[in-house]
Amino acid sequence: MLKINPLVFVPVNSNLCRNFALLSLALTFCSGLQAIAFWTIKLDFDFMWWIPNLFLLLYPLYFIPKLIIFKYQDVSLQAKHNH
């Protein structure tokens, strides 16, 4: 059964959704990295700022490899079917 994302009417497991998810995770990682770099340069080590920014920095690292590996597996499966 085909699952449809109700917000954009795109199949959930399509390349477009994976690409947007990868872009979103990369930008989230960058925002966390930028915030941590800023607080490090200012030598401000308040945990109320560091904890949320470390979360923004670290949680994409769990999902990004899965999206990249999943995309690579799809490409290799398509190559097998084409030959």
C-alpha atoms as a PDB file:
ATOM      1  CA  MET A   1       0.000   0.000   0.000  1.00  0.00           C
ATOM      2  CA  LEU A   2       1.277   3.442  -0.929  1.00  0.00           C
ATOM      3  CA  LYS A   3       1.670   5.848   1.991  1.00  0.00           C
ATOM      4  CA  ILE A   4       1.104   9.484   1.091  1.00  0.00           C
ATOM      5  CA  ASN A   5       2.454  12.422   3.061  1.00  0.00           C
ATOM      6  CA  PRO A   6      -0.701  14.526   3.606  1.00  0.00           C
ATOM      7  CA  LEU A   7       1.126  17.861   3.589  1.00  0.00           C
ATOM      8  CA  VAL A   8       2.708  17.653   0.142  1.00  0.00           C
ATOM      9  CA  PHE A   9       0.987  14.651  -1.486  1.00  0.00           C
ATOM     10  CA  VAL A  10       4.249  12.837  -2.147  1.00  0.00           C
ATOM     11  CA  PRO A  11       4.823   9.139  -1.419  1.00  0.00           C
ATOM     12  CA  VAL A  12       6.617   8.895   1.925  1.00  0.00           C
ATOM     13  CA  ASN A  13       9.353   6.577   0.670  1.00  0.00           C
ATOM     14  CA  SER A  14      10.095   8.621  -2.463  1.00  0.00           C
ATOM     15  CA  ASN A  15      13.464  10.148  -3.284  1.00  0.00           C
ATOM     16  CA  LEU A  16      12.020  13.628  -2.817  1.00  0.00           C
ATOM     17  CA  CYS A  17      11.056  12.949   0.800  1.00  0.00           C
ATOM     18  CA  ARG A  18      14.418  11.353   1.562  1.00  0.00           C
ATOM     19  CA  ASN A  19      16.270  14.271  -0.015  1.00  0.00           C
ATOM     20  CA  PHE A  20      14.278  16.809   2.003  1.00  0.00           C
ATOM     21  CA  ALA A  21      14.809  14.787   5.182  1.00  0.00           C
ATOM     22  CA  LEU A  22      18.551  14.649   4.495  1.00  0.00           C
ATOM     23  CA  LEU A  23      18.645  18.395   3.817  1.00  0.00           C
ATOM     24  CA  SER A  24      16.658  19.109   6.975  1.00  0.00           C
ATOM     25  CA  LEU A  25      18.970  16.970   9.110  1.00  0.00           C
ATOM     26  CA  ALA A  26      22.080  18.555   7.587  1.00  0.00           C
ATOM     27  CA  LEU A  27      20.779  22.064   8.281  1.00  0.00           C
ATOM     28  CA  THR A  28      19.808  21.082  11.832  1.00  0.00           C
ATOM     29  CA  PHE A  29      23.318  19.739  12.396  1.00  0.00           C
ATOM     30  CA  CYS A  30      24.781  22.990  11.009  1.00  0.00           C
ATOM     31  CA  SER A  31      22.625  25.135  13.286  1.00  0.00           C
ATOM     32  CA  GLY A  32      23.731  23.178  16.344  1.00  0.00           C
ATOM     33  CA  LEU A  33      27.367  23.368  15.248  1.00  0.00           C
ATOM     34  CA  GLN A  34      27.119  27.096  14.634  1.00  0.00           C
ATOM     35  CA  ALA A  35      25.577  27.697  18.064  1.00  0.00           C
ATOM     36  CA  ILE A  36      28.185  25.554  19.847  1.00  0.00           C
ATOM     37  CA  ALA A  37      30.976  27.356  17.995  1.00  0.00           C
ATOM     38  CA  PHE A  38      29.506  30.725  18.979  1.00  0.00           C
ATOM     39  CA  TRP A  39      29.239  29.824  22.670  1.00  0.00           C
ATOM     40  CA  THR A  40      32.757  28.365  22.591  1.00  0.00           C
ATOM     41  CA  ILE A  41      34.224  31.532  21.064  1.00  0.00           C
ATOM     42  CA  LYS A  42      32.459  33.632  23.706  1.00  0.00           C
ATOM     43  CA  LEU A  43      33.724  31.207  26.416  1.00  0.00           C
ATOM     44  CA  ASP A  44      30.178  30.961  27.763  1.00  0.00           C
ATOM     45  CA  PHE A  45      29.544  27.512  29.220  1.00  0.00           C
ATOM     46  CA  ASP A  46      25.963  27.834  30.443  1.00  0.00           C
ATOM     47  CA  PHE A  47      24.348  24.387  30.253  1.00  0.00           C
ATOM     48  CA  MET A  48      20.929  25.924  29.579  1.00  0.00           C
ATOM     49  CA  TRP A  49      22.262  26.940  26.154  1.00  0.00           C
ATOM     50  CA  TRP A  50      24.618  24.041  25.543  1.00  0.00           C
ATOM     51  CA  ILE A  51      22.222  21.139  26.120  1.00  0.00           C
ATOM     52  CA  PRO A  52      19.643  22.091  23.439  1.00  0.00           C
ATOM     53  CA  ASN A  53      22.377  23.021  20.984  1.00  0.00           C
ATOM     54  CA  LEU A  54      24.241  19.764  21.586  1.00  0.00           C
ATOM     55  CA  PHE A  55      20.958  17.982  20.944  1.00  0.00           C
ATOM     56  CA  LEU A  56      20.611  19.851  17.624  1.00  0.00           C
ATOM     57  CA  LEU A  57      24.189  18.899  16.796  1.00  0.00           C
ATOM     58  CA  LEU A  58      24.033  15.218  17.749  1.00  0.00           C
ATOM     59  CA  TYR A  59      20.612  13.798  16.902  1.00  0.00           C
ATOM     60  CA  PRO A  60      20.995  14.234  13.106  1.00  0.00           C
ATOM     61  CA  LEU A  61      24.149  12.109  13.292  1.00  0.00           C
ATOM     62  CA  TYR A  62      21.977   9.103  14.116  1.00  0.00           C
ATOM     63  CA  PHE A  63      19.652   9.526  11.104  1.00  0.00           C
ATOM     64  CA  ILE A  64      21.939  10.899   8.359  1.00  0.00           C
ATOM     65  CA  PRO A  65      23.904   7.639   7.851  1.00  0.00           C
ATOM     66  CA  LYS A  66      20.652   5.666   7.713  1.00  0.00           C
ATOM     67  CA  LEU A  67      19.254   7.923   4.985  1.00  0.00           C
ATOM     68  CA  ILE A  68      22.486   7.774   2.986  1.00  0.00           C
ATOM     69  CA  ILE A  69      22.783   3.978   3.279  1.00  0.00           C
ATOM     70  CA  PHE A  70      19.084   3.536   2.447  1.00  0.00           C
ATOM     71  CA  LYS A  71      19.470   5.744  -0.628  1.00  0.00           C
ATOM     72  CA  TYR A  72      22.602   3.835  -1.709  1.00  0.00           C
ATOM     73  CA  GLN A  73      20.790   0.508  -1.315  1.00  0.00           C
ATOM     74  CA  ASP A  74      17.928   1.778  -3.489  1.00  0.00           C
ATOM     75  CA  VAL A  75      20.364   2.820  -6.219  1.00  0.00           C
ATOM     76  CA  SER A  76      22.160  -0.533  -6.126  1.00  0.00           C
ATOM     77  CA  LEU A  77      18.834  -2.392  -6.298  1.00  0.00           C
ATOM     78  CA  GLN A  78      17.786  -0.329  -9.310  1.00  0.00           C
ATOM     79  CA  ALA A  79      21.100  -1.065 -11.019  1.00  0.00           C
ATOM     80  CA  LYS A  80      20.576  -4.809 -10.476  1.00  0.00           C
ATOM     81  CA  HIS A  81      17.099  -4.640 -11.995  1.00  0.00           C
ATOM     82  CA  ASN A  82      18.319  -2.682 -15.015  1.00  0.00           C
ATOM     83  CA  HIS A  83      20.906  -5.313 -15.983  1.00  0.00           C
END
